[in-house]
Amino acid sequence: MSQAQQRAPVRYIVFTWVPDERLEEWNAWHNDVHIPEVLATGLMRSARKYRVHETSFAGEWQPQYATVYELDSLDDVQAYVNGPGQTLREDYHRHYGAVGRIARMVLVEERQF
């Protein structure tokens, strides 16, 4: 990866699914606790949460939500993943790991049109 790509804007996307009977509880926790804690790390510039309307997501489950975090660089992604992200992922799994599904994707901006 080039040095320019290493410093390019990044989107860190987290796809999630939880059972319908836990969805209201999960949304309250996710919106009021988890996302604010992620943003408080200072590594994320912003977060946007989307309800998945349609998908061709491959696999055994289909995401209900995609949370898109904006970061300045891959270095910031690594700082998050190797730092505060570990504790926040453990907290997420403690609350919903037994019942939910999660997948992550990191997108590096290659070109803006």
PDB file of N, CA and C in Angstrom:
ATOM      1  N   MET A   1       0.855  -1.174   0.000  1.00  0.00           N
ATOM      2  CA  MET A   1       0.000   0.000   0.000  1.00  0.00           C
ATOM      3  C   MET A   1       0.897   1.232   0.000  1.00  0.00           C
ATOM      4  N   SER A   2       0.535   2.173  -0.849  1.00  0.00           N
ATOM      5  CA  SER A   2       1.342   3.383  -0.967  1.00  0.00           C
ATOM      6  C   SER A   2       1.193   4.268   0.269  1.00  0.00           C
ATOM      7  N   GLN A   3       2.134   5.188   0.417  1.00  0.00           N
ATOM      8  CA  GLN A   3       2.080   6.124   1.537  1.00  0.00           C
ATOM      9  C   GLN A   3       0.849   7.024   1.436  1.00  0.00           C
ATOM     10  N   ALA A   4       0.465   7.382   0.218  1.00  0.00           N
ATOM     11  CA  ALA A   4      -0.738   8.206   0.018  1.00  0.00           C
ATOM     12  C   ALA A   4      -1.983   7.443   0.465  1.00  0.00           C
ATOM     13  N   GLN A   5      -2.060   6.153   0.141  1.00  0.00           N
ATOM     14  CA  GLN A   5      -3.209   5.354   0.571  1.00  0.00           C
ATOM     15  C   GLN A   5      -3.223   5.200   2.089  1.00  0.00           C
ATOM     16  N   GLN A   6      -2.061   5.088   2.684  1.00  0.00           N
ATOM     17  CA  GLN A   6      -1.963   4.953   4.136  1.00  0.00           C
ATOM     18  C   GLN A   6      -2.554   6.170   4.838  1.00  0.00           C
ATOM     19  N   ARG A   7      -2.488   7.342   4.186  1.00  0.00           N
ATOM     20  CA  ARG A   7      -2.991   8.584   4.780  1.00  0.00           C
ATOM     21  C   ARG A   7      -4.342   9.010   4.208  1.00  0.00           C
ATOM     22  N   ALA A   8      -4.922   8.208   3.330  1.00  0.00           N
ATOM     23  CA  ALA A   8      -6.202   8.559   2.704  1.00  0.00           C
ATOM     24  C   ALA A   8      -7.350   8.381   3.701  1.00  0.00           C
ATOM     25  N   PRO A   9      -8.440   9.135   3.503  1.00  0.00           N
ATOM     26  CA  PRO A   9      -9.613   8.954   4.368  1.00  0.00           C
ATOM     27  C   PRO A   9     -10.106   7.505   4.347  1.00  0.00           C
ATOM     28  N   VAL A  10     -10.618   7.080   5.479  1.00  0.00           N
ATOM     29  CA  VAL A  10     -11.037   5.693   5.659  1.00  0.00           C
ATOM     30  C   VAL A  10     -12.458   5.652   6.203  1.00  0.00           C
ATOM     31  N   ARG A  11     -13.204   4.655   5.772  1.00  0.00           N
ATOM     32  CA  ARG A  11     -14.515   4.354   6.359  1.00  0.00           C
ATOM     33  C   ARG A  11     -14.413   2.971   6.992  1.00  0.00           C
ATOM     34  N   TYR A  12     -14.753   2.907   8.247  1.00  0.00           N
ATOM     35  CA  TYR A  12     -14.767   1.655   9.014  1.00  0.00           C
ATOM     36  C   TYR A  12     -16.242   1.314   9.186  1.00  0.00           C
ATOM     37  N   ILE A  13     -16.686   0.236   8.548  1.00  0.00           N
ATOM     38  CA  ILE A  13     -18.101  -0.108   8.535  1.00  0.00           C
ATOM     39  C   ILE A  13     -18.325  -1.358   9.368  1.00  0.00           C
ATOM     40  N   VAL A  14     -19.316  -1.263  10.264  1.00  0.00           N
ATOM     41  CA  VAL A  14     -19.668  -2.395  11.115  1.00  0.00           C
ATOM     42  C   VAL A  14     -21.103  -2.794  10.783  1.00  0.00           C
ATOM     43  N   PHE A  15     -21.260  -4.019  10.297  1.00  0.00           N
ATOM     44  CA  PHE A  15     -22.577  -4.569   9.971  1.00  0.00           C
ATOM     45  C   PHE A  15     -23.043  -5.407  11.163  1.00  0.00           C
ATOM     46  N   THR A  16     -24.308  -5.235  11.552  1.00  0.00           N
ATOM     47  CA  THR A  16     -24.799  -5.951  12.727  1.00  0.00           C
ATOM     48  C   THR A  16     -26.182  -6.548  12.497  1.00  0.00           C
ATOM     49  N   TRP A  17     -26.435  -7.587  13.251  1.00  0.00           N
ATOM     50  CA  TRP A  17     -27.737  -8.243  13.312  1.00  0.00           C
ATOM     51  C   TRP A  17     -27.947  -8.710  14.748  1.00  0.00           C
ATOM     52  N   VAL A  18     -29.130  -8.470  15.282  1.00  0.00           N
ATOM     53  CA  VAL A  18     -29.542  -9.026  16.576  1.00  0.00           C
ATOM     54  C   VAL A  18     -30.975  -9.523  16.429  1.00  0.00           C
ATOM     55  N   PRO A  19     -31.382 -10.484  17.238  1.00  0.00           N
ATOM     56  CA  PRO A  19     -32.750 -10.990  17.134  1.00  0.00           C
ATOM     57  C   PRO A  19     -33.767  -9.867  17.359  1.00  0.00           C
ATOM     58  N   ASP A  20     -34.877  -9.954  16.656  1.00  0.00           N
ATOM     59  CA  ASP A  20     -35.907  -8.915  16.744  1.00  0.00           C
ATOM     60  C   ASP A  20     -36.334  -8.634  18.175  1.00  0.00           C
ATOM     61  N   GLU A  21     -36.404  -9.658  19.006  1.00  0.00           N
ATOM     62  CA  GLU A  21     -36.853  -9.456  20.397  1.00  0.00           C
ATOM     63  C   GLU A  21     -35.833  -8.690  21.236  1.00  0.00           C
ATOM     64  N   ARG A  22     -34.614  -8.544  20.753  1.00  0.00           N
ATOM     65  CA  ARG A  22     -33.572  -7.779  21.459  1.00  0.00           C
ATOM     66  C   ARG A  22     -33.249  -6.465  20.761  1.00  0.00           C
ATOM     67  N   LEU A  23     -33.899  -6.198  19.641  1.00  0.00           N
ATOM     68  CA  LEU A  23     -33.541  -5.058  18.802  1.00  0.00           C
ATOM     69  C   LEU A  23     -33.743  -3.716  19.498  1.00  0.00           C
ATOM     70  N   GLU A  24     -34.845  -3.527  20.201  1.00  0.00           N
ATOM     71  CA  GLU A  24     -35.084  -2.253  20.887  1.00  0.00           C
ATOM     72  C   GLU A  24     -34.030  -2.005  21.964  1.00  0.00           C
ATOM     73  N   GLU A  25     -33.750  -3.032  22.754  1.00  0.00           N
ATOM     74  CA  GLU A  25     -32.713  -2.944  23.802  1.00  0.00           C
ATOM     75  C   GLU A  25     -31.349  -2.660  23.181  1.00  0.00           C
ATOM     76  N   TRP A  26     -31.020  -3.383  22.105  1.00  0.00           N
ATOM     77  CA  TRP A  26     -29.734  -3.212  21.438  1.00  0.00           C
ATOM     78  C   TRP A  26     -29.591  -1.796  20.891  1.00  0.00           C
ATOM     79  N   ASN A  27     -30.633  -1.294  20.233  1.00  0.00           N
ATOM     80  CA  ASN A  27     -30.576   0.059  19.677  1.00  0.00           C
ATOM     81  C   ASN A  27     -30.349   1.106  20.760  1.00  0.00           C
ATOM     82  N   ALA A  28     -31.023   0.959  21.888  1.00  0.00           N
ATOM     83  CA  ALA A  28     -30.825   1.914  22.986  1.00  0.00           C
ATOM     84  C   ALA A  28     -29.375   1.874  23.463  1.00  0.00           C
ATOM     85  N   TRP A  29     -28.849   0.681  23.687  1.00  0.00           N
ATOM     86  CA  TRP A  29     -27.462   0.537  24.134  1.00  0.00           C
ATOM     87  C   TRP A  29     -26.497   1.034  23.051  1.00  0.00           C
ATOM     88  N   HIS A  30     -26.725   0.651  21.816  1.00  0.00           N
ATOM     89  CA  HIS A  30     -25.836   1.008  20.719  1.00  0.00           C
ATOM     90  C   HIS A  30     -25.793   2.523  20.510  1.00  0.00           C
ATOM     91  N   ASN A  31     -26.972   3.157  20.516  1.00  0.00           N
ATOM     92  CA  ASN A  31     -27.064   4.601  20.270  1.00  0.00           C
ATOM     93  C   ASN A  31     -26.579   5.443  21.449  1.00  0.00           C
ATOM     94  N   ASP A  32     -26.921   5.024  22.660  1.00  0.00           N
ATOM     95  CA  ASP A  32     -26.678   5.854  23.843  1.00  0.00           C
ATOM     96  C   ASP A  32     -25.391   5.527  24.595  1.00  0.00           C
ATOM     97  N   VAL A  33     -24.839   4.331  24.361  1.00  0.00           N
ATOM     98  CA  VAL A  33     -23.632   3.923  25.087  1.00  0.00           C
ATOM     99  C   VAL A  33     -22.476   3.632  24.120  1.00  0.00           C
ATOM    100  N   HIS A  34     -22.675   2.653  23.248  1.00  0.00           N
ATOM    101  CA  HIS A  34     -21.560   2.160  22.430  1.00  0.00           C
ATOM    102  C   HIS A  34     -21.006   3.215  21.467  1.00  0.00           C
ATOM    103  N   ILE A  35     -21.854   3.782  20.626  1.00  0.00           N
ATOM    104  CA  ILE A  35     -21.349   4.758  19.651  1.00  0.00           C
ATOM    105  C   ILE A  35     -20.712   5.961  20.353  1.00  0.00           C
ATOM    106  N   PRO A  36     -21.326   6.531  21.404  1.00  0.00           N
ATOM    107  CA  PRO A  36     -20.635   7.624  22.105  1.00  0.00           C
ATOM    108  C   PRO A  36     -19.271   7.215  22.668  1.00  0.00           C
ATOM    109  N   GLU A  37     -19.148   5.979  23.140  1.00  0.00           N
ATOM    110  CA  GLU A  37     -17.846   5.516  23.646  1.00  0.00           C
ATOM    111  C   GLU A  37     -16.835   5.399  22.515  1.00  0.00           C
ATOM    112  N   VAL A  38     -17.264   4.921  21.360  1.00  0.00           N
ATOM    113  CA  VAL A  38     -16.355   4.835  20.211  1.00  0.00           C
ATOM    114  C   VAL A  38     -15.893   6.231  19.809  1.00  0.00           C
ATOM    115  N   LEU A  39     -16.820   7.174  19.717  1.00  0.00           N
ATOM    116  CA  LEU A  39     -16.462   8.542  19.331  1.00  0.00           C
ATOM    117  C   LEU A  39     -15.569   9.216  20.373  1.00  0.00           C
ATOM    118  N   ALA A  40     -15.734   8.856  21.628  1.00  0.00           N
ATOM    119  CA  ALA A  40     -14.933   9.450  22.705  1.00  0.00           C
ATOM    120  C   ALA A  40     -13.463   9.052  22.626  1.00  0.00           C
ATOM    121  N   THR A  41     -13.129   8.032  21.840  1.00  0.00           N
ATOM    122  CA  THR A  41     -11.719   7.646  21.699  1.00  0.00           C
ATOM    123  C   THR A  41     -10.918   8.730  20.990  1.00  0.00           C
ATOM    124  N   GLY A  42     -11.609   9.611  20.258  1.00  0.00           N
ATOM    125  CA  GLY A  42     -10.929  10.677  19.540  1.00  0.00           C
ATOM    126  C   GLY A  42     -10.327  10.251  18.211  1.00  0.00           C
ATOM    127  N   LEU A  43     -10.472   8.988  17.851  1.00  0.00           N
ATOM    128  CA  LEU A  43      -9.904   8.496  16.596  1.00  0.00           C
ATOM    129  C   LEU A  43     -10.905   8.547  15.446  1.00  0.00           C
ATOM    130  N   MET A  44     -12.180   8.596  15.779  1.00  0.00           N
ATOM    131  CA  MET A  44     -13.234   8.647  14.762  1.00  0.00           C
ATOM    132  C   MET A  44     -13.649  10.102  14.563  1.00  0.00           C
ATOM    133  N   ARG A  45     -13.771  10.510  13.313  1.00  0.00           N
ATOM    134  CA  ARG A  45     -14.226  11.882  13.022  1.00  0.00           C
ATOM    135  C   ARG A  45     -15.740  11.983  13.140  1.00  0.00           C
ATOM    136  N   SER A  46     -16.424  10.908  12.757  1.00  0.00           N
ATOM    137  CA  SER A  46     -17.882  10.919  12.819  1.00  0.00           C
ATOM    138  C   SER A  46     -18.398   9.495  12.739  1.00  0.00           C
ATOM    139  N   ALA A  47     -19.688   9.352  13.016  1.00  0.00           N
ATOM    140  CA  ALA A  47     -20.356   8.051  12.874  1.00  0.00           C
ATOM    141  C   ALA A  47     -21.750   8.299  12.320  1.00  0.00           C
ATOM    142  N   ARG A  48     -22.157   7.422  11.450  1.00  0.00           N
ATOM    143  CA  ARG A  48     -23.513   7.440  10.907  1.00  0.00           C
ATOM    144  C   ARG A  48     -24.039   6.022  10.949  1.00  0.00           C
ATOM    145  N   LYS A  49     -25.279   5.899  11.370  1.00  0.00           N
ATOM    146  CA  LYS A  49     -25.891   4.581  11.483  1.00  0.00           C
ATOM    147  C   LYS A  49     -27.005   4.476  10.448  1.00  0.00           C
ATOM    148  N   TYR A  50     -26.990   3.394   9.705  1.00  0.00           N
ATOM    149  CA  TYR A  50     -27.964   3.170   8.651  1.00  0.00           C
ATOM    150  C   TYR A  50     -28.740   1.881   8.915  1.00  0.00           C
ATOM    151  N   ARG A  51     -30.029   1.929   8.676  1.00  0.00           N
ATOM    152  CA  ARG A  51     -30.858   0.717   8.684  1.00  0.00           C
ATOM    153  C   ARG A  51     -30.711   0.114   7.295  1.00  0.00           C
ATOM    154  N   VAL A  52     -30.357  -1.145   7.209  1.00  0.00           N
ATOM    155  CA  VAL A  52     -30.183  -1.803   5.917  1.00  0.00           C
ATOM    156  C   VAL A  52     -31.570  -2.058   5.329  1.00  0.00           C
ATOM    157  N   HIS A  53     -31.786  -1.520   4.162  1.00  0.00           N
ATOM    158  CA  HIS A  53     -33.076  -1.670   3.488  1.00  0.00           C
ATOM    159  C   HIS A  53     -33.054  -2.861   2.544  1.00  0.00           C
ATOM    160  N   GLU A  54     -31.925  -3.021   1.854  1.00  0.00           N
ATOM    161  CA  GLU A  54     -31.791  -4.085   0.870  1.00  0.00           C
ATOM    162  C   GLU A  54     -30.325  -4.491   0.827  1.00  0.00           C
ATOM    163  N   THR A  55     -30.065  -5.785   0.646  1.00  0.00           N
ATOM    164  CA  THR A  55     -28.681  -6.240   0.607  1.00  0.00           C
ATOM    165  C   THR A  55     -28.549  -7.554  -0.151  1.00  0.00           C
ATOM    166  N   SER A  56     -27.378  -7.780  -0.681  1.00  0.00           N
ATOM    167  CA  SER A  56     -27.032  -9.088  -1.240  1.00  0.00           C
ATOM    168  C   SER A  56     -25.841  -9.636  -0.448  1.00  0.00           C
ATOM    169  N   PHE A  57     -25.758  -9.229   0.796  1.00  0.00           N
ATOM    170  CA  PHE A  57     -24.717  -9.655   1.723  1.00  0.00           C
ATOM    171  C   PHE A  57     -24.635 -11.183   1.716  1.00  0.00           C
ATOM    172  N   ALA A  58     -23.476 -11.732   1.442  1.00  0.00           N
ATOM    173  CA  ALA A  58     -23.315 -13.184   1.411  1.00  0.00           C
ATOM    174  C   ALA A  58     -23.148 -13.721   2.825  1.00  0.00           C
ATOM    175  N   GLY A  59     -23.630 -14.901   3.060  1.00  0.00           N
ATOM    176  CA  GLY A  59     -23.436 -15.515   4.358  1.00  0.00           C
ATOM    177  C   GLY A  59     -24.726 -16.020   4.961  1.00  0.00           C
ATOM    178  N   GLU A  60     -24.625 -16.479   6.199  1.00  0.00           N
ATOM    179  CA  GLU A  60     -25.750 -17.090   6.894  1.00  0.00           C
ATOM    180  C   GLU A  60     -26.727 -16.076   7.470  1.00  0.00           C
ATOM    181  N   TRP A  61     -26.349 -14.812   7.519  1.00  0.00           N
ATOM    182  CA  TRP A  61     -27.217 -13.790   8.098  1.00  0.00           C
ATOM    183  C   TRP A  61     -27.161 -12.523   7.258  1.00  0.00           C
ATOM    184  N   GLN A  62     -28.197 -11.716   7.384  1.00  0.00           N
ATOM    185  CA  GLN A  62     -28.287 -10.452   6.666  1.00  0.00           C
ATOM    186  C   GLN A  62     -28.269  -9.316   7.685  1.00  0.00           C
ATOM    187  N   PRO A  63     -27.417  -8.322   7.502  1.00  0.00           N
ATOM    188  CA  PRO A  63     -27.330  -7.241   8.491  1.00  0.00           C
ATOM    189  C   PRO A  63     -28.609  -6.407   8.533  1.00  0.00           C
ATOM    190  N   GLN A  64     -28.935  -5.964   9.745  1.00  0.00           N
ATOM    191  CA  GLN A  64     -30.045  -5.035   9.936  1.00  0.00           C
ATOM    192  C   GLN A  64     -29.541  -3.597   9.902  1.00  0.00           C
ATOM    193  N   TYR A  65     -28.300  -3.409  10.357  1.00  0.00           N
ATOM    194  CA  TYR A  65     -27.715  -2.072  10.460  1.00  0.00           C
ATOM    195  C   TYR A  65     -26.295  -2.073   9.936  1.00  0.00           C
ATOM    196  N   ALA A  66     -25.882  -0.905   9.429  1.00  0.00           N
ATOM    197  CA  ALA A  66     -24.490  -0.643   9.084  1.00  0.00           C
ATOM    198  C   ALA A  66     -24.124   0.674   9.750  1.00  0.00           C
ATOM    199  N   THR A  67     -23.118   0.639  10.595  1.00  0.00           N
ATOM    200  CA  THR A  67     -22.625   1.849  11.234  1.00  0.00           C
ATOM    201  C   THR A  67     -21.326   2.210  10.528  1.00  0.00           C
ATOM    202  N   VAL A  68     -21.269   3.429  10.023  1.00  0.00           N
ATOM    203  CA  VAL A  68     -20.131   3.876   9.228  1.00  0.00           C
ATOM    204  C   VAL A  68     -19.374   4.937  10.015  1.00  0.00           C
ATOM    205  N   TYR A  69     -18.133   4.610  10.361  1.00  0.00           N
ATOM    206  CA  TYR A  69     -17.264   5.535  11.075  1.00  0.00           C
ATOM    207  C   TYR A  69     -16.284   6.130  10.077  1.00  0.00           C
ATOM    208  N   GLU A  70     -16.009   7.415  10.212  1.00  0.00           N
ATOM    209  CA  GLU A  70     -15.059   8.101   9.347  1.00  0.00           C
ATOM    210  C   GLU A  70     -13.776   8.354  10.131  1.00  0.00           C
ATOM    211  N   LEU A  71     -12.656   7.952   9.536  1.00  0.00           N
ATOM    212  CA  LEU A  71     -11.344   8.174  10.139  1.00  0.00           C
ATOM    213  C   LEU A  71     -10.448   8.864   9.121  1.00  0.00           C
ATOM    214  N   ASP A  72      -9.371   9.458   9.606  1.00  0.00           N
ATOM    215  CA  ASP A  72      -8.462  10.183   8.731  1.00  0.00           C
ATOM    216  C   ASP A  72      -7.497   9.291   7.970  1.00  0.00           C
ATOM    217  N   SER A  73      -7.173   8.106   8.524  1.00  0.00           N
ATOM    218  CA  SER A  73      -6.134   7.288   7.896  1.00  0.00           C
ATOM    219  C   SER A  73      -6.187   5.856   8.406  1.00  0.00           C
ATOM    220  N   LEU A  74      -5.470   4.985   7.700  1.00  0.00           N
ATOM    221  CA  LEU A  74      -5.315   3.606   8.169  1.00  0.00           C
ATOM    222  C   LEU A  74      -4.555   3.552   9.479  1.00  0.00           C
ATOM    223  N   ASP A  75      -3.655   4.511   9.692  1.00  0.00           N
ATOM    224  CA  ASP A  75      -2.943   4.570  10.971  1.00  0.00           C
ATOM    225  C   ASP A  75      -3.936   4.748  12.119  1.00  0.00           C
ATOM    226  N   ASP A  76      -4.966   5.574  11.893  1.00  0.00           N
ATOM    227  CA  ASP A  76      -5.997   5.762  12.922  1.00  0.00           C
ATOM    228  C   ASP A  76      -6.811   4.495  13.134  1.00  0.00           C
ATOM    229  N   VAL A  77      -7.078   3.763  12.058  1.00  0.00           N
ATOM    230  CA  VAL A  77      -7.791   2.480  12.194  1.00  0.00           C
ATOM    231  C   VAL A  77      -6.969   1.541  13.061  1.00  0.00           C
ATOM    232  N   GLN A  78      -5.679   1.431  12.770  1.00  0.00           N
ATOM    233  CA  GLN A  78      -4.821   0.531  13.539  1.00  0.00           C
ATOM    234  C   GLN A  78      -4.717   0.973  14.999  1.00  0.00           C
ATOM    235  N   ALA A  79      -4.632   2.276  15.223  1.00  0.00           N
ATOM    236  CA  ALA A  79      -4.584   2.785  16.596  1.00  0.00           C
ATOM    237  C   ALA A  79      -5.864   2.427  17.343  1.00  0.00           C
ATOM    238  N   TYR A  80      -6.998   2.512  16.671  1.00  0.00           N
ATOM    239  CA  TYR A  80      -8.276   2.152  17.296  1.00  0.00           C
ATOM    240  C   TYR A  80      -8.352   0.644  17.555  1.00  0.00           C
ATOM    241  N   VAL A  81      -8.074  -0.148  16.530  1.00  0.00           N
ATOM    242  CA  VAL A  81      -8.192  -1.610  16.640  1.00  0.00           C
ATOM    243  C   VAL A  81      -7.243  -2.160  17.709  1.00  0.00           C
ATOM    244  N   ASN A  82      -6.027  -1.642  17.759  1.00  0.00           N
ATOM    245  CA  ASN A  82      -5.031  -2.141  18.713  1.00  0.00           C
ATOM    246  C   ASN A  82      -5.113  -1.471  20.080  1.00  0.00           C
ATOM    247  N   GLY A  83      -5.915  -0.423  20.180  1.00  0.00           N
ATOM    248  CA  GLY A  83      -6.051   0.313  21.439  1.00  0.00           C
ATOM    249  C   GLY A  83      -7.441   0.187  22.016  1.00  0.00           C
ATOM    250  N   PRO A  84      -8.188   1.300  22.079  1.00  0.00           N
ATOM    251  CA  PRO A  84      -9.500   1.291  22.736  1.00  0.00           C
ATOM    252  C   PRO A  84     -10.513   0.376  22.065  1.00  0.00           C
ATOM    253  N   GLY A  85     -10.328   0.088  20.790  1.00  0.00           N
ATOM    254  CA  GLY A  85     -11.255  -0.795  20.087  1.00  0.00           C
ATOM    255  C   GLY A  85     -11.317  -2.184  20.692  1.00  0.00           C
ATOM    256  N   GLN A  86     -10.211  -2.655  21.263  1.00  0.00           N
ATOM    257  CA  GLN A  86     -10.209  -3.986  21.889  1.00  0.00           C
ATOM    258  C   GLN A  86     -11.205  -4.049  23.038  1.00  0.00           C
ATOM    259  N   THR A  87     -11.155  -3.081  23.912  1.00  0.00           N
ATOM    260  CA  THR A  87     -12.063  -3.042  25.064  1.00  0.00           C
ATOM    261  C   THR A  87     -13.503  -2.867  24.612  1.00  0.00           C
ATOM    262  N   LEU A  88     -13.736  -2.019  23.623  1.00  0.00           N
ATOM    263  CA  LEU A  88     -15.090  -1.784  23.141  1.00  0.00           C
ATOM    264  C   LEU A  88     -15.654  -3.013  22.439  1.00  0.00           C
ATOM    265  N   ARG A  89     -14.828  -3.750  21.698  1.00  0.00           N
ATOM    266  CA  ARG A  89     -15.285  -5.003  21.080  1.00  0.00           C
ATOM    267  C   ARG A  89     -15.616  -6.040  22.152  1.00  0.00           C
ATOM    268  N   GLU A  90     -14.797  -6.121  23.190  1.00  0.00           N
ATOM    269  CA  GLU A  90     -15.077  -7.054  24.293  1.00  0.00           C
ATOM    270  C   GLU A  90     -16.398  -6.705  24.968  1.00  0.00           C
ATOM    271  N   ASP A  91     -16.655  -5.422  25.177  1.00  0.00           N
ATOM    272  CA  ASP A  91     -17.910  -4.986  25.778  1.00  0.00           C
ATOM    273  C   ASP A  91     -19.092  -5.361  24.882  1.00  0.00           C
ATOM    274  N   TYR A  92     -18.945  -5.139  23.587  1.00  0.00           N
ATOM    275  CA  TYR A  92     -20.000  -5.500  22.634  1.00  0.00           C
ATOM    276  C   TYR A  92     -20.292  -7.004  22.715  1.00  0.00           C
ATOM    277  N   HIS A  93     -19.251  -7.804  22.693  1.00  0.00           N
ATOM    278  CA  HIS A  93     -19.429  -9.260  22.738  1.00  0.00           C
ATOM    279  C   HIS A  93     -19.994  -9.725  24.079  1.00  0.00           C
ATOM    280  N   ARG A  94     -19.673  -9.044  25.140  1.00  0.00           N
ATOM    281  CA  ARG A  94     -20.222  -9.382  26.450  1.00  0.00           C
ATOM    282  C   ARG A  94     -21.739  -9.161  26.456  1.00  0.00           C
ATOM    283  N   HIS A  95     -22.184  -8.084  25.807  1.00  0.00           N
ATOM    284  CA  HIS A  95     -23.611  -7.770  25.767  1.00  0.00           C
ATOM    285  C   HIS A  95     -24.376  -8.590  24.728  1.00  0.00           C
ATOM    286  N   TYR A  96     -23.802  -8.730  23.520  1.00  0.00           N
ATOM    287  CA  TYR A  96     -24.577  -9.282  22.403  1.00  0.00           C
ATOM    288  C   TYR A  96     -23.872 -10.378  21.606  1.00  0.00           C
ATOM    289  N   GLY A  97     -22.691 -10.754  22.003  1.00  0.00           N
ATOM    290  CA  GLY A  97     -21.946 -11.762  21.253  1.00  0.00           C
ATOM    291  C   GLY A  97     -22.617 -13.115  21.185  1.00  0.00           C
ATOM    292  N   ALA A  98     -23.370 -13.466  22.216  1.00  0.00           N
ATOM    293  CA  ALA A  98     -24.023 -14.776  22.238  1.00  0.00           C
ATOM    294  C   ALA A  98     -25.268 -14.820  21.361  1.00  0.00           C
ATOM    295  N   VAL A  99     -25.838 -13.661  21.044  1.00  0.00           N
ATOM    296  CA  VAL A  99     -27.099 -13.653  20.298  1.00  0.00           C
ATOM    297  C   VAL A  99     -27.006 -12.938  18.949  1.00  0.00           C
ATOM    298  N   GLY A 100     -26.028 -12.068  18.775  1.00  0.00           N
ATOM    299  CA  GLY A 100     -25.956 -11.258  17.567  1.00  0.00           C
ATOM    300  C   GLY A 100     -24.890 -11.717  16.598  1.00  0.00           C
ATOM    301  N   ARG A 101     -24.845 -11.022  15.494  1.00  0.00           N
ATOM    302  CA  ARG A 101     -23.832 -11.265  14.463  1.00  0.00           C
ATOM    303  C   ARG A 101     -23.210  -9.917  14.115  1.00  0.00           C
ATOM    304  N   ILE A 102     -21.945  -9.977  13.730  1.00  0.00           N
ATOM    305  CA  ILE A 102     -21.232  -8.739  13.410  1.00  0.00           C
ATOM    306  C   ILE A 102     -20.190  -9.032  12.337  1.00  0.00           C
ATOM    307  N   ALA A 103     -20.008  -8.072  11.432  1.00  0.00           N
ATOM    308  CA  ALA A 103     -18.953  -8.151  10.415  1.00  0.00           C
ATOM    309  C   ALA A 103     -18.410  -6.742  10.233  1.00  0.00           C
ATOM    310  N   ARG A 104     -17.131  -6.664   9.941  1.00  0.00           N
ATOM    311  CA  ARG A 104     -16.488  -5.353   9.783  1.00  0.00           C
ATOM    312  C   ARG A 104     -15.825  -5.246   8.415  1.00  0.00           C
ATOM    313  N   MET A 105     -15.727  -4.023   7.934  1.00  0.00           N
ATOM    314  CA  MET A 105     -15.091  -3.742   6.660  1.00  0.00           C
ATOM    315  C   MET A 105     -14.365  -2.410   6.764  1.00  0.00           C
ATOM    316  N   VAL A 106     -13.170  -2.342   6.212  1.00  0.00           N
ATOM    317  CA  VAL A 106     -12.422  -1.092   6.177  1.00  0.00           C
ATOM    318  C   VAL A 106     -12.257  -0.698   4.709  1.00  0.00           C
ATOM    319  N   LEU A 107     -12.717   0.517   4.386  1.00  0.00           N
ATOM    320  CA  LEU A 107     -12.604   1.040   3.026  1.00  0.00           C
ATOM    321  C   LEU A 107     -11.617   2.206   3.031  1.00  0.00           C
ATOM    322  N   VAL A 108     -10.662   2.157   2.127  1.00  0.00           N
ATOM    323  CA  VAL A 108      -9.680   3.230   1.984  1.00  0.00           C
ATOM    324  C   VAL A 108     -10.026   4.014   0.712  1.00  0.00           C
ATOM    325  N   GLU A 109     -10.181   5.316   0.876  1.00  0.00           N
ATOM    326  CA  GLU A 109     -10.515   6.123  -0.299  1.00  0.00           C
ATOM    327  C   GLU A 109      -9.386   6.068  -1.310  1.00  0.00           C
ATOM    328  N   GLU A 110      -9.754   5.704  -2.499  1.00  0.00           N
ATOM    329  CA  GLU A 110      -8.768   5.617  -3.579  1.00  0.00           C
ATOM    330  C   GLU A 110      -8.841   6.828  -4.500  1.00  0.00           C
ATOM    331  N   ARG A 111     -10.068   7.280  -4.722  1.00  0.00           N
ATOM    332  CA  ARG A 111     -10.229   8.409  -5.623  1.00  0.00           C
ATOM    333  C   ARG A 111     -11.565   9.083  -5.356  1.00  0.00           C
ATOM    334  N   GLN A 112     -11.559  10.395  -5.428  1.00  0.00           N
ATOM    335  CA  GLN A 112     -12.788  11.161  -5.274  1.00  0.00           C
ATOM    336  C   GLN A 112     -13.145  11.764  -6.631  1.00  0.00           C
ATOM    337  N   PHE A 113     -14.397  11.677  -7.008  1.00  0.00           N
ATOM    338  CA  PHE A 113     -14.843  12.182  -8.317  1.00  0.00           C
ATOM    339  C   PHE A 113     -15.718  13.398  -8.143  1.00  0.00           C
TER     340      PHE A 113
END
